[in-house]
Amino acid sequence: MREYEQRLKRHMHFQFNLIGFAFLCLCAIGAAGHFFKDAIWVQYRDVIDIFAYGFIDNLYQIATKLIQSFVPFFLISLILKIKNHQIWSKAKIKPLNQFALIFLGLAVYLILSAATSGLITLATSKNVGVASVPSSLVSNFLEVQWTYLFYVILLCPLAEEYIYRGVVLQCFARYGNRFAIVASSFLFALSFGRLQTALPGFFLGMFLAVIALYYQSIRPVLWIRMGVAILSVAEMLIPLSQVWIFGIICLVSYGISLIFLFINRYNRLVLKSDTDEMLSAKMFCTSALLVLACGVMIALTYSLPLRQWIEQLISKVV
């Protein structure tokens, strides 16, 4: 029995460190794409000036996102023997129930965002409003907007759900559903650039993880994420004086979703496992590459002085 426990711990450390290595690759590709973009811009300025700068910039981000997200985690899924066809499998869900889940996801997102903004405003005495409109959204539509909207509404949800509710959740679920939900949501929250979005992102991630586990597919959560992405773009476009519109959306979303969910009562997801989930959490916290990846993600997204120092260092080297 003692030998089995030691083998299990080594196996968990190996798998968790592989996940950590994939996140380190993601950070490295993303950082390289960000820091070397200016050098590429300078070198090919004459070519870029022929086209719209925002259009080229969005295409660059799309290409980086595709390589950064899918390549490392697809390779890791092969090593960990996670079946990708199960991640993308067709979920047994009625169309009306899918719409209900989308509305419920929108309502959850709005409530979490409002609650977090309120807490930050109360704690710091600063008004935390919605993000400003990106310059790409006020440029020529044919040149810029469609690429930006493709990136935000389609590509980002697709890539992130494959990573967090696909490969990561499937790997962690081997060692307990509760642990998988919390751990994958924690890593998902680290990918956000601000505390204002990270906190609701964590709880939204838990909500999405439960749905992904229930249906054993990321398809239902993909539709929810796309709906949330559309709503987040709308938040940037609607003036603060008309923010009450989101309150109405929230109430309508909850009303519609509760009606359909009540009519089609769901069997509760039983979050039980034979695995010791405290052991899973301990292995998570003691997997060196995974902990390092978490630290790097926090540093790159939340530490402005560190980012500025790295940019200065890169500029000197380049």
C-alpha atoms as a PDB file:
ATOM      1  CA  MET A   1       0.000   0.000   0.000  1.00  0.00           C
ATOM      2  CA  ARG A   2       2.846   2.350   0.845  1.00  0.00           C
ATOM      3  CA  GLU A   3       4.507   1.625  -2.495  1.00  0.00           C
ATOM      4  CA  TYR A   4       1.226   2.317  -4.327  1.00  0.00           C
ATOM      5  CA  GLU A   5       0.883   5.715  -2.606  1.00  0.00           C
ATOM      6  CA  GLN A   6       4.431   6.666  -3.576  1.00  0.00           C
ATOM      7  CA  ARG A   7       3.806   5.673  -7.193  1.00  0.00           C
ATOM      8  CA  LEU A   8       0.537   7.637  -7.200  1.00  0.00           C
ATOM      9  CA  LYS A   9       2.267  10.750  -5.866  1.00  0.00           C
ATOM     10  CA  ARG A  10       5.030  10.489  -8.467  1.00  0.00           C
ATOM     11  CA  HIS A  11       2.421  10.012 -11.185  1.00  0.00           C
ATOM     12  CA  MET A  12       0.441  13.069 -10.025  1.00  0.00           C
ATOM     13  CA  HIS A  13       3.570  15.197  -9.784  1.00  0.00           C
ATOM     14  CA  PHE A  14       4.533  14.155 -13.311  1.00  0.00           C
ATOM     15  CA  GLN A  15       1.122  15.059 -14.742  1.00  0.00           C
ATOM     16  CA  PHE A  16       0.820  18.332 -12.839  1.00  0.00           C
ATOM     17  CA  ASN A  17       4.339  19.358 -13.831  1.00  0.00           C
ATOM     18  CA  LEU A  18       3.475  18.668 -17.468  1.00  0.00           C
ATOM     19  CA  ILE A  19       0.491  20.991 -17.161  1.00  0.00           C
ATOM     20  CA  GLY A  20       2.798  23.559 -15.562  1.00  0.00           C
ATOM     21  CA  PHE A  21       5.287  23.134 -18.415  1.00  0.00           C
ATOM     22  CA  ALA A  22       2.482  23.778 -20.932  1.00  0.00           C
ATOM     23  CA  PHE A  23       1.603  27.020 -19.130  1.00  0.00           C
ATOM     24  CA  LEU A  24       5.261  28.052 -19.113  1.00  0.00           C
ATOM     25  CA  CYS A  25       5.335  27.466 -22.880  1.00  0.00           C
ATOM     26  CA  LEU A  26       2.146  29.534 -23.200  1.00  0.00           C
ATOM     27  CA  CYS A  27       3.734  32.380 -21.196  1.00  0.00           C
ATOM     28  CA  ALA A  28       6.970  32.194 -23.193  1.00  0.00           C
ATOM     29  CA  ILE A  29       5.214  32.313 -26.575  1.00  0.00           C
ATOM     30  CA  GLY A  30       2.910  35.110 -25.413  1.00  0.00           C
ATOM     31  CA  ALA A  31       5.778  37.162 -23.964  1.00  0.00           C
ATOM     32  CA  ALA A  32       7.904  36.659 -27.069  1.00  0.00           C
ATOM     33  CA  GLY A  33       5.009  37.712 -29.278  1.00  0.00           C
ATOM     34  CA  HIS A  34       4.424  40.831 -27.168  1.00  0.00           C
ATOM     35  CA  PHE A  35       8.004  41.986 -26.680  1.00  0.00           C
ATOM     36  CA  PHE A  36       9.284  41.317 -30.198  1.00  0.00           C
ATOM     37  CA  LYS A  37       6.256  42.767 -31.972  1.00  0.00           C
ATOM     38  CA  ASP A  38       7.737  46.276 -31.910  1.00  0.00           C
ATOM     39  CA  ALA A  39      10.947  45.039 -33.545  1.00  0.00           C
ATOM     40  CA  ILE A  40       8.952  43.381 -36.326  1.00  0.00           C
ATOM     41  CA  TRP A  41       6.862  46.540 -36.732  1.00  0.00           C
ATOM     42  CA  VAL A  42       9.991  48.650 -37.204  1.00  0.00           C
ATOM     43  CA  GLN A  43      11.562  46.199 -39.669  1.00  0.00           C
ATOM     44  CA  TYR A  44       8.478  45.909 -41.894  1.00  0.00           C
ATOM     45  CA  ARG A  45       7.010  49.369 -41.365  1.00  0.00           C
ATOM     46  CA  ASP A  46       6.851  50.150 -45.094  1.00  0.00           C
ATOM     47  CA  VAL A  47       4.798  47.000 -45.755  1.00  0.00           C
ATOM     48  CA  ILE A  48       2.523  47.527 -42.750  1.00  0.00           C
ATOM     49  CA  ASP A  49       1.782  51.142 -43.733  1.00  0.00           C
ATOM     50  CA  ILE A  50       0.180  49.863 -46.931  1.00  0.00           C
ATOM     51  CA  PHE A  51      -2.496  48.184 -44.805  1.00  0.00           C
ATOM     52  CA  ALA A  52      -4.367  49.346 -41.704  1.00  0.00           C
ATOM     53  CA  TYR A  53      -2.146  49.101 -38.614  1.00  0.00           C
ATOM     54  CA  GLY A  54      -5.009  47.807 -36.468  1.00  0.00           C
ATOM     55  CA  PHE A  55      -5.866  45.130 -39.026  1.00  0.00           C
ATOM     56  CA  ILE A  56      -2.275  43.807 -39.066  1.00  0.00           C
ATOM     57  CA  ASP A  57      -2.073  44.042 -35.282  1.00  0.00           C
ATOM     58  CA  ASN A  58      -5.222  41.946 -34.869  1.00  0.00           C
ATOM     59  CA  LEU A  59      -4.002  39.340 -37.349  1.00  0.00           C
ATOM     60  CA  TYR A  60      -0.732  39.155 -35.407  1.00  0.00           C
ATOM     61  CA  GLN A  61      -2.637  38.565 -32.163  1.00  0.00           C
ATOM     62  CA  ILE A  62      -4.795  35.902 -33.807  1.00  0.00           C
ATOM     63  CA  ALA A  63      -1.740  34.034 -35.087  1.00  0.00           C
ATOM     64  CA  THR A  64      -0.001  34.277 -31.702  1.00  0.00           C
ATOM     65  CA  LYS A  65      -3.122  33.080 -29.876  1.00  0.00           C
ATOM     66  CA  LEU A  66      -3.499  30.051 -32.135  1.00  0.00           C
ATOM     67  CA  ILE A  67       0.120  28.961 -31.655  1.00  0.00           C
ATOM     68  CA  GLN A  68       0.266  29.931 -27.994  1.00  0.00           C
ATOM     69  CA  SER A  69      -2.906  28.158 -26.927  1.00  0.00           C
ATOM     70  CA  PHE A  70      -3.377  25.056 -29.028  1.00  0.00           C
ATOM     71  CA  VAL A  71       0.127  23.793 -29.734  1.00  0.00           C
ATOM     72  CA  PRO A  72       1.435  23.301 -26.143  1.00  0.00           C
ATOM     73  CA  PHE A  73      -1.797  21.902 -24.738  1.00  0.00           C
ATOM     74  CA  PHE A  74      -2.518  19.652 -27.702  1.00  0.00           C
ATOM     75  CA  LEU A  75       0.932  18.072 -27.281  1.00  0.00           C
ATOM     76  CA  ILE A  76       0.404  17.769 -23.515  1.00  0.00           C
ATOM     77  CA  SER A  77      -2.978  16.112 -24.111  1.00  0.00           C
ATOM     78  CA  LEU A  78      -1.240  13.494 -26.262  1.00  0.00           C
ATOM     79  CA  ILE A  79       1.402  12.834 -23.602  1.00  0.00           C
ATOM     80  CA  LEU A  80      -1.215  12.610 -20.830  1.00  0.00           C
ATOM     81  CA  LYS A  81      -3.421  10.451 -23.077  1.00  0.00           C
ATOM     82  CA  ILE A  82      -6.359  12.832 -22.791  1.00  0.00           C
ATOM     83  CA  LYS A  83      -8.729  12.032 -25.644  1.00  0.00           C
ATOM     84  CA  ASN A  84      -9.376  15.243 -27.541  1.00  0.00           C
ATOM     85  CA  HIS A  85     -12.503  13.849 -29.185  1.00  0.00           C
ATOM     86  CA  GLN A  86     -14.051  13.543 -25.700  1.00  0.00           C
ATOM     87  CA  ILE A  87     -13.299  17.210 -25.007  1.00  0.00           C
ATOM     88  CA  TRP A  88     -15.165  18.256 -28.167  1.00  0.00           C
ATOM     89  CA  SER A  89     -17.826  15.528 -27.970  1.00  0.00           C
ATOM     90  CA  LYS A  90     -21.426  16.375 -28.776  1.00  0.00           C
ATOM     91  CA  ALA A  91     -23.311  17.093 -25.559  1.00  0.00           C
ATOM     92  CA  LYS A  92     -26.766  15.647 -24.934  1.00  0.00           C
ATOM     93  CA  ILE A  93     -28.564  18.912 -24.324  1.00  0.00           C
ATOM     94  CA  LYS A  94     -31.794  20.312 -25.707  1.00  0.00           C
ATOM     95  CA  PRO A  95     -31.504  23.610 -27.630  1.00  0.00           C
ATOM     96  CA  LEU A  96     -33.828  25.406 -25.178  1.00  0.00           C
ATOM     97  CA  ASN A  97     -31.734  24.215 -22.253  1.00  0.00           C
ATOM     98  CA  GLN A  98     -28.599  25.453 -24.011  1.00  0.00           C
ATOM     99  CA  PHE A  99     -30.169  28.880 -24.390  1.00  0.00           C
ATOM    100  CA  ALA A 100     -31.150  28.767 -20.725  1.00  0.00           C
ATOM    101  CA  LEU A 101     -27.551  28.025 -19.735  1.00  0.00           C
ATOM    102  CA  ILE A 102     -26.309  30.903 -21.918  1.00  0.00           C
ATOM    103  CA  PHE A 103     -28.690  33.326 -20.211  1.00  0.00           C
ATOM    104  CA  LEU A 104     -27.739  31.955 -16.817  1.00  0.00           C
ATOM    105  CA  GLY A 105     -24.055  32.417 -17.670  1.00  0.00           C
ATOM    106  CA  LEU A 106     -24.694  36.038 -18.687  1.00  0.00           C
ATOM    107  CA  ALA A 107     -26.512  36.697 -15.435  1.00  0.00           C
ATOM    108  CA  VAL A 108     -23.735  35.067 -13.383  1.00  0.00           C
ATOM    109  CA  TYR A 109     -21.120  37.148 -15.222  1.00  0.00           C
ATOM    110  CA  LEU A 110     -23.003  40.421 -14.680  1.00  0.00           C
ATOM    111  CA  ILE A 111     -23.649  39.770 -10.993  1.00  0.00           C
ATOM    112  CA  LEU A 112     -20.036  38.735 -10.332  1.00  0.00           C
ATOM    113  CA  SER A 113     -18.668  41.752 -12.224  1.00  0.00           C
ATOM    114  CA  ALA A 114     -20.981  44.164 -10.431  1.00  0.00           C
ATOM    115  CA  ALA A 115     -20.209  42.655  -7.023  1.00  0.00           C
ATOM    116  CA  THR A 116     -16.443  42.755  -7.613  1.00  0.00           C
ATOM    117  CA  SER A 117     -16.529  46.339  -8.915  1.00  0.00           C
ATOM    118  CA  GLY A 118     -18.601  47.348  -5.885  1.00  0.00           C
ATOM    119  CA  LEU A 119     -16.187  45.716  -3.444  1.00  0.00           C
ATOM    120  CA  ILE A 120     -13.142  47.314  -5.102  1.00  0.00           C
ATOM    121  CA  THR A 121     -14.864  50.711  -5.161  1.00  0.00           C
ATOM    122  CA  LEU A 122     -15.789  50.344  -1.476  1.00  0.00           C
ATOM    123  CA  ALA A 123     -12.280  49.245  -0.479  1.00  0.00           C
ATOM    124  CA  THR A 124     -10.325  51.797  -2.536  1.00  0.00           C
ATOM    125  CA  SER A 125     -12.835  54.669  -2.792  1.00  0.00           C
ATOM    126  CA  LYS A 126     -12.222  54.663  -6.514  1.00  0.00           C
ATOM    127  CA  ASN A 127     -14.921  54.272  -9.117  1.00  0.00           C
ATOM    128  CA  VAL A 128     -14.216  51.136 -11.166  1.00  0.00           C
ATOM    129  CA  GLY A 129     -16.035  51.520 -14.463  1.00  0.00           C
ATOM    130  CA  VAL A 130     -16.126  49.370 -17.545  1.00  0.00           C
ATOM    131  CA  ALA A 131     -13.133  49.165 -19.848  1.00  0.00           C
ATOM    132  CA  SER A 132     -12.712  51.877 -22.460  1.00  0.00           C
ATOM    133  CA  VAL A 133     -13.485  51.227 -26.088  1.00  0.00           C
ATOM    134  CA  PRO A 134     -10.427  49.818 -27.907  1.00  0.00           C
ATOM    135  CA  SER A 135      -9.130  51.998 -30.706  1.00  0.00           C
ATOM    136  CA  SER A 136      -9.705  49.108 -33.108  1.00  0.00           C
ATOM    137  CA  LEU A 137     -13.459  49.360 -32.575  1.00  0.00           C
ATOM    138  CA  VAL A 138     -13.634  52.961 -33.756  1.00  0.00           C
ATOM    139  CA  SER A 139     -11.571  52.328 -36.901  1.00  0.00           C
ATOM    140  CA  ASN A 140     -12.849  51.370 -40.314  1.00  0.00           C
ATOM    141  CA  PHE A 141     -15.058  48.286 -39.934  1.00  0.00           C
ATOM    142  CA  LEU A 142     -13.837  46.327 -42.948  1.00  0.00           C
ATOM    143  CA  GLU A 143     -10.202  46.904 -42.030  1.00  0.00           C
ATOM    144  CA  VAL A 144     -10.272  46.267 -38.301  1.00  0.00           C
ATOM    145  CA  GLN A 145     -13.473  45.402 -36.504  1.00  0.00           C
ATOM    146  CA  TRP A 146     -14.196  41.978 -37.967  1.00  0.00           C
ATOM    147  CA  THR A 147     -10.727  40.728 -37.015  1.00  0.00           C
ATOM    148  CA  TYR A 148     -11.036  42.156 -33.499  1.00  0.00           C
ATOM    149  CA  LEU A 149     -14.488  40.644 -33.015  1.00  0.00           C
ATOM    150  CA  PHE A 150     -13.279  37.289 -34.377  1.00  0.00           C
ATOM    151  CA  TYR A 151     -10.424  37.371 -31.860  1.00  0.00           C
ATOM    152  CA  VAL A 152     -12.532  38.369 -28.827  1.00  0.00           C
ATOM    153  CA  ILE A 153     -15.800  36.550 -29.490  1.00  0.00           C
ATOM    154  CA  LEU A 154     -14.685  33.348 -31.214  1.00  0.00           C
ATOM    155  CA  LEU A 155     -10.961  32.621 -30.893  1.00  0.00           C
ATOM    156  CA  CYS A 156     -10.406  33.552 -27.226  1.00  0.00           C
ATOM    157  CA  PRO A 157     -13.360  31.500 -25.880  1.00  0.00           C
ATOM    158  CA  LEU A 158     -12.410  28.577 -28.135  1.00  0.00           C
ATOM    159  CA  ALA A 159      -8.766  28.559 -27.021  1.00  0.00           C
ATOM    160  CA  GLU A 160      -9.440  29.194 -23.332  1.00  0.00           C
ATOM    161  CA  GLU A 161     -12.183  26.609 -23.014  1.00  0.00           C
ATOM    162  CA  TYR A 162     -10.012  24.002 -24.709  1.00  0.00           C
ATOM    163  CA  ILE A 163      -7.234  24.737 -22.203  1.00  0.00           C
ATOM    164  CA  TYR A 164      -9.115  25.219 -18.930  1.00  0.00           C
ATOM    165  CA  ARG A 165     -12.339  23.204 -19.297  1.00  0.00           C
ATOM    166  CA  GLY A 166     -10.719  20.781 -21.714  1.00  0.00           C
ATOM    167  CA  VAL A 167      -7.163  19.579 -21.092  1.00  0.00           C
ATOM    168  CA  VAL A 168      -6.637  20.997 -17.575  1.00  0.00           C
ATOM    169  CA  LEU A 169     -10.048  20.015 -16.179  1.00  0.00           C
ATOM    170  CA  GLN A 170      -9.865  16.533 -17.693  1.00  0.00           C
ATOM    171  CA  CYS A 171      -6.421  15.973 -16.208  1.00  0.00           C
ATOM    172  CA  PHE A 172      -7.370  17.241 -12.744  1.00  0.00           C
ATOM    173  CA  ALA A 173     -10.724  15.399 -12.747  1.00  0.00           C
ATOM    174  CA  ARG A 174      -8.804  12.111 -12.485  1.00  0.00           C
ATOM    175  CA  TYR A 175      -7.993  13.147  -8.919  1.00  0.00           C
ATOM    176  CA  GLY A 176     -11.362  14.468  -7.768  1.00  0.00           C
ATOM    177  CA  ASN A 177     -14.086  16.682  -9.212  1.00  0.00           C
ATOM    178  CA  ARG A 178     -14.014  19.281  -6.434  1.00  0.00           C
ATOM    179  CA  PHE A 179     -10.272  19.636  -6.766  1.00  0.00           C
ATOM    180  CA  ALA A 180     -10.549  19.829 -10.572  1.00  0.00           C
ATOM    181  CA  ILE A 181     -13.183  22.587 -10.435  1.00  0.00           C
ATOM    182  CA  VAL A 182     -11.258  24.769  -7.975  1.00  0.00           C
ATOM    183  CA  ALA A 183      -7.766  24.189  -9.440  1.00  0.00           C
ATOM    184  CA  SER A 184      -8.768  24.757 -13.078  1.00  0.00           C
ATOM    185  CA  SER A 185     -10.737  27.888 -12.091  1.00  0.00           C
ATOM    186  CA  PHE A 186      -7.731  29.208 -10.157  1.00  0.00           C
ATOM    187  CA  LEU A 187      -5.490  28.816 -13.217  1.00  0.00           C
ATOM    188  CA  PHE A 188      -8.224  30.400 -15.370  1.00  0.00           C
ATOM    189  CA  ALA A 189      -8.362  33.412 -13.024  1.00  0.00           C
ATOM    190  CA  LEU A 190      -4.597  33.886 -13.322  1.00  0.00           C
ATOM    191  CA  SER A 191      -5.005  34.506 -17.045  1.00  0.00           C
ATOM    192  CA  PHE A 192      -6.925  37.738 -16.382  1.00  0.00           C
ATOM    193  CA  GLY A 193      -4.959  40.962 -16.263  1.00  0.00           C
ATOM    194  CA  ARG A 194      -6.775  42.770 -13.457  1.00  0.00           C
ATOM    195  CA  LEU A 195      -8.167  41.912 -10.041  1.00  0.00           C
ATOM    196  CA  GLN A 196     -11.483  43.350 -11.161  1.00  0.00           C
ATOM    197  CA  THR A 197     -11.796  40.608 -13.791  1.00  0.00           C
ATOM    198  CA  ALA A 198      -9.831  37.832 -12.048  1.00  0.00           C
ATOM    199  CA  LEU A 199     -12.246  37.469  -9.115  1.00  0.00           C
ATOM    200  CA  PRO A 200     -15.408  37.082 -11.214  1.00  0.00           C
ATOM    201  CA  GLY A 201     -13.328  34.982 -13.622  1.00  0.00           C
ATOM    202  CA  PHE A 202     -12.583  32.495 -10.848  1.00  0.00           C
ATOM    203  CA  PHE A 203     -16.243  31.970  -9.935  1.00  0.00           C
ATOM    204  CA  LEU A 204     -17.348  32.018 -13.564  1.00  0.00           C
ATOM    205  CA  GLY A 205     -14.712  29.337 -14.169  1.00  0.00           C
ATOM    206  CA  MET A 206     -16.226  27.193 -11.399  1.00  0.00           C
ATOM    207  CA  PHE A 207     -19.677  27.593 -12.964  1.00  0.00           C
ATOM    208  CA  LEU A 208     -18.342  26.576 -16.393  1.00  0.00           C
ATOM    209  CA  ALA A 209     -16.347  23.653 -14.950  1.00  0.00           C
ATOM    210  CA  VAL A 210     -19.471  22.193 -13.327  1.00  0.00           C
ATOM    211  CA  ILE A 211     -21.333  22.375 -16.656  1.00  0.00           C
ATOM    212  CA  ALA A 212     -18.386  20.849 -18.556  1.00  0.00           C
ATOM    213  CA  LEU A 213     -18.198  17.968 -16.060  1.00  0.00           C
ATOM    214  CA  TYR A 214     -21.951  17.452 -16.157  1.00  0.00           C
ATOM    215  CA  TYR A 215     -22.070  17.138 -19.960  1.00  0.00           C
ATOM    216  CA  GLN A 216     -18.536  15.724 -20.395  1.00  0.00           C
ATOM    217  CA  SER A 217     -17.981  18.237 -23.194  1.00  0.00           C
ATOM    218  CA  ILE A 218     -16.876  21.828 -23.641  1.00  0.00           C
ATOM    219  CA  ARG A 219     -19.504  22.589 -26.283  1.00  0.00           C
ATOM    220  CA  PRO A 220     -22.154  23.918 -23.862  1.00  0.00           C
ATOM    221  CA  VAL A 221     -19.641  26.192 -22.111  1.00  0.00           C
ATOM    222  CA  LEU A 222     -18.310  27.457 -25.441  1.00  0.00           C
ATOM    223  CA  TRP A 223     -21.704  28.997 -26.229  1.00  0.00           C
ATOM    224  CA  ILE A 224     -21.803  30.580 -22.771  1.00  0.00           C
ATOM    225  CA  ARG A 225     -18.322  32.074 -23.172  1.00  0.00           C
ATOM    226  CA  MET A 226     -19.210  33.479 -26.587  1.00  0.00           C
ATOM    227  CA  GLY A 227     -22.311  35.080 -25.083  1.00  0.00           C
ATOM    228  CA  VAL A 228     -20.220  36.584 -22.271  1.00  0.00           C
ATOM    229  CA  ALA A 229     -17.690  37.870 -24.832  1.00  0.00           C
ATOM    230  CA  ILE A 230     -20.448  39.600 -26.821  1.00  0.00           C
ATOM    231  CA  LEU A 231     -21.768  41.143 -23.611  1.00  0.00           C
ATOM    232  CA  SER A 232     -18.287  42.360 -22.609  1.00  0.00           C
ATOM    233  CA  VAL A 233     -17.915  44.096 -25.994  1.00  0.00           C
ATOM    234  CA  ALA A 234     -21.341  45.682 -25.496  1.00  0.00           C
ATOM    235  CA  GLU A 235     -20.209  46.912 -22.065  1.00  0.00           C
ATOM    236  CA  MET A 236     -17.408  48.875 -23.705  1.00  0.00           C
ATOM    237  CA  LEU A 237     -19.739  50.452 -26.252  1.00  0.00           C
ATOM    238  CA  ILE A 238     -22.671  51.442 -24.009  1.00  0.00           C
ATOM    239  CA  PRO A 239     -22.196  54.744 -22.089  1.00  0.00           C
ATOM    240  CA  LEU A 240     -22.019  54.594 -18.282  1.00  0.00           C
ATOM    241  CA  SER A 241     -25.205  56.674 -18.086  1.00  0.00           C
ATOM    242  CA  GLN A 242     -27.088  53.733 -19.597  1.00  0.00           C
ATOM    243  CA  VAL A 243     -25.546  51.016 -17.431  1.00  0.00           C
ATOM    244  CA  TRP A 244     -29.048  50.195 -16.140  1.00  0.00           C
ATOM    245  CA  ILE A 245     -29.504  48.272 -19.383  1.00  0.00           C
ATOM    246  CA  PHE A 246     -27.251  45.541 -17.990  1.00  0.00           C
ATOM    247  CA  GLY A 247     -29.453  45.278 -14.904  1.00  0.00           C
ATOM    248  CA  ILE A 248     -32.440  44.586 -17.151  1.00  0.00           C
ATOM    249  CA  ILE A 249     -30.388  42.046 -19.139  1.00  0.00           C
ATOM    250  CA  CYS A 250     -29.437  40.374 -15.863  1.00  0.00           C
ATOM    251  CA  LEU A 251     -33.039  40.118 -14.626  1.00  0.00           C
ATOM    252  CA  VAL A 252     -34.329  38.899 -17.986  1.00  0.00           C
ATOM    253  CA  SER A 253     -31.487  36.368 -18.204  1.00  0.00           C
ATOM    254  CA  TYR A 254     -32.239  34.938 -14.780  1.00  0.00           C
ATOM    255  CA  GLY A 255     -35.972  34.843 -15.490  1.00  0.00           C
ATOM    256  CA  ILE A 256     -35.604  32.990 -18.789  1.00  0.00           C
ATOM    257  CA  SER A 257     -32.984  30.580 -17.478  1.00  0.00           C
ATOM    258  CA  LEU A 258     -34.901  29.728 -14.305  1.00  0.00           C
ATOM    259  CA  ILE A 259     -38.081  29.001 -16.266  1.00  0.00           C
ATOM    260  CA  PHE A 260     -36.354  26.559 -18.608  1.00  0.00           C
ATOM    261  CA  LEU A 261     -34.213  25.011 -15.883  1.00  0.00           C
ATOM    262  CA  PHE A 262     -37.300  24.487 -13.717  1.00  0.00           C
ATOM    263  CA  ILE A 263     -39.239  22.880 -16.556  1.00  0.00           C
ATOM    264  CA  ASN A 264     -36.288  20.613 -17.411  1.00  0.00           C
ATOM    265  CA  ARG A 265     -35.050  19.765 -13.943  1.00  0.00           C
ATOM    266  CA  TYR A 266     -31.409  18.702 -13.909  1.00  0.00           C
ATOM    267  CA  ASN A 267     -29.995  15.819 -11.967  1.00  0.00           C
ATOM    268  CA  ARG A 268     -27.491  17.245  -9.509  1.00  0.00           C
ATOM    269  CA  LEU A 269     -23.844  16.677 -10.327  1.00  0.00           C
ATOM    270  CA  VAL A 270     -22.508  14.498  -7.527  1.00  0.00           C
ATOM    271  CA  LEU A 271     -19.075  15.859  -6.682  1.00  0.00           C
ATOM    272  CA  LYS A 272     -17.646  12.702  -5.192  1.00  0.00           C
ATOM    273  CA  SER A 273     -14.467  10.790  -5.854  1.00  0.00           C
ATOM    274  CA  ASP A 274     -12.562   7.876  -4.412  1.00  0.00           C
ATOM    275  CA  THR A 275      -9.417   9.989  -4.621  1.00  0.00           C
ATOM    276  CA  ASP A 276      -8.192  11.907  -1.570  1.00  0.00           C
ATOM    277  CA  GLU A 277      -8.723  15.449  -2.858  1.00  0.00           C
ATOM    278  CA  MET A 278      -6.576  16.928  -0.094  1.00  0.00           C
ATOM    279  CA  LEU A 279      -3.740  14.836  -1.477  1.00  0.00           C
ATOM    280  CA  SER A 280      -4.516  16.211  -4.950  1.00  0.00           C
ATOM    281  CA  ALA A 281      -4.345  19.765  -3.600  1.00  0.00           C
ATOM    282  CA  LYS A 282      -1.050  18.968  -1.862  1.00  0.00           C
ATOM    283  CA  MET A 283       0.421  17.559  -5.078  1.00  0.00           C
ATOM    284  CA  PHE A 284      -0.784  20.671  -6.919  1.00  0.00           C
ATOM    285  CA  CYS A 285       0.998  22.958  -4.451  1.00  0.00           C
ATOM    286  CA  THR A 286       4.220  20.917  -4.473  1.00  0.00           C
ATOM    287  CA  SER A 287       4.591  20.420  -8.237  1.00  0.00           C
ATOM    288  CA  ALA A 288       7.563  22.678  -8.958  1.00  0.00           C
ATOM    289  CA  LEU A 289       6.836  23.499 -12.612  1.00  0.00           C
ATOM    290  CA  LEU A 290       3.145  24.127 -11.943  1.00  0.00           C
ATOM    291  CA  VAL A 291       3.907  26.476  -9.025  1.00  0.00           C
ATOM    292  CA  LEU A 292       6.546  28.227 -11.157  1.00  0.00           C
ATOM    293  CA  ALA A 293       4.030  28.617 -13.987  1.00  0.00           C
ATOM    294  CA  CYS A 294       1.511  30.180 -11.582  1.00  0.00           C
ATOM    295  CA  GLY A 295       4.174  32.591 -10.346  1.00  0.00           C
ATOM    296  CA  VAL A 296       5.157  33.567 -13.880  1.00  0.00           C
ATOM    297  CA  MET A 297       1.513  34.102 -14.889  1.00  0.00           C
ATOM    298  CA  ILE A 298       0.949  36.330 -11.860  1.00  0.00           C
ATOM    299  CA  ALA A 299       4.148  38.275 -12.526  1.00  0.00           C
ATOM    300  CA  LEU A 300       3.465  38.799 -16.236  1.00  0.00           C
ATOM    301  CA  THR A 301      -0.177  39.841 -15.847  1.00  0.00           C
ATOM    302  CA  TYR A 302      -0.330  41.626 -12.488  1.00  0.00           C
ATOM    303  CA  SER A 303       3.136  43.055 -11.837  1.00  0.00           C
ATOM    304  CA  LEU A 304       3.449  46.287 -13.816  1.00  0.00           C
ATOM    305  CA  PRO A 305       6.964  47.184 -12.511  1.00  0.00           C
ATOM    306  CA  LEU A 306       8.266  43.737 -13.483  1.00  0.00           C
ATOM    307  CA  ARG A 307       6.742  44.007 -16.957  1.00  0.00           C
ATOM    308  CA  GLN A 308       8.319  47.427 -17.427  1.00  0.00           C
ATOM    309  CA  TRP A 309      11.709  46.098 -16.281  1.00  0.00           C
ATOM    310  CA  ILE A 310      11.488  43.154 -18.710  1.00  0.00           C
ATOM    311  CA  GLU A 311      10.513  45.505 -21.556  1.00  0.00           C
ATOM    312  CA  GLN A 312      13.524  47.717 -20.816  1.00  0.00           C
ATOM    313  CA  LEU A 313      15.786  44.658 -20.707  1.00  0.00           C
ATOM    314  CA  ILE A 314      14.423  43.331 -24.015  1.00  0.00           C
ATOM    315  CA  SER A 315      14.782  46.748 -25.665  1.00  0.00           C
ATOM    316  CA  LYS A 316      18.453  46.837 -24.668  1.00  0.00           C
ATOM    317  CA  VAL A 317      19.064  43.362 -26.039  1.00  0.00           C
ATOM    318  CA  VAL A 318      17.187  44.019 -29.275  1.00  0.00           C
END
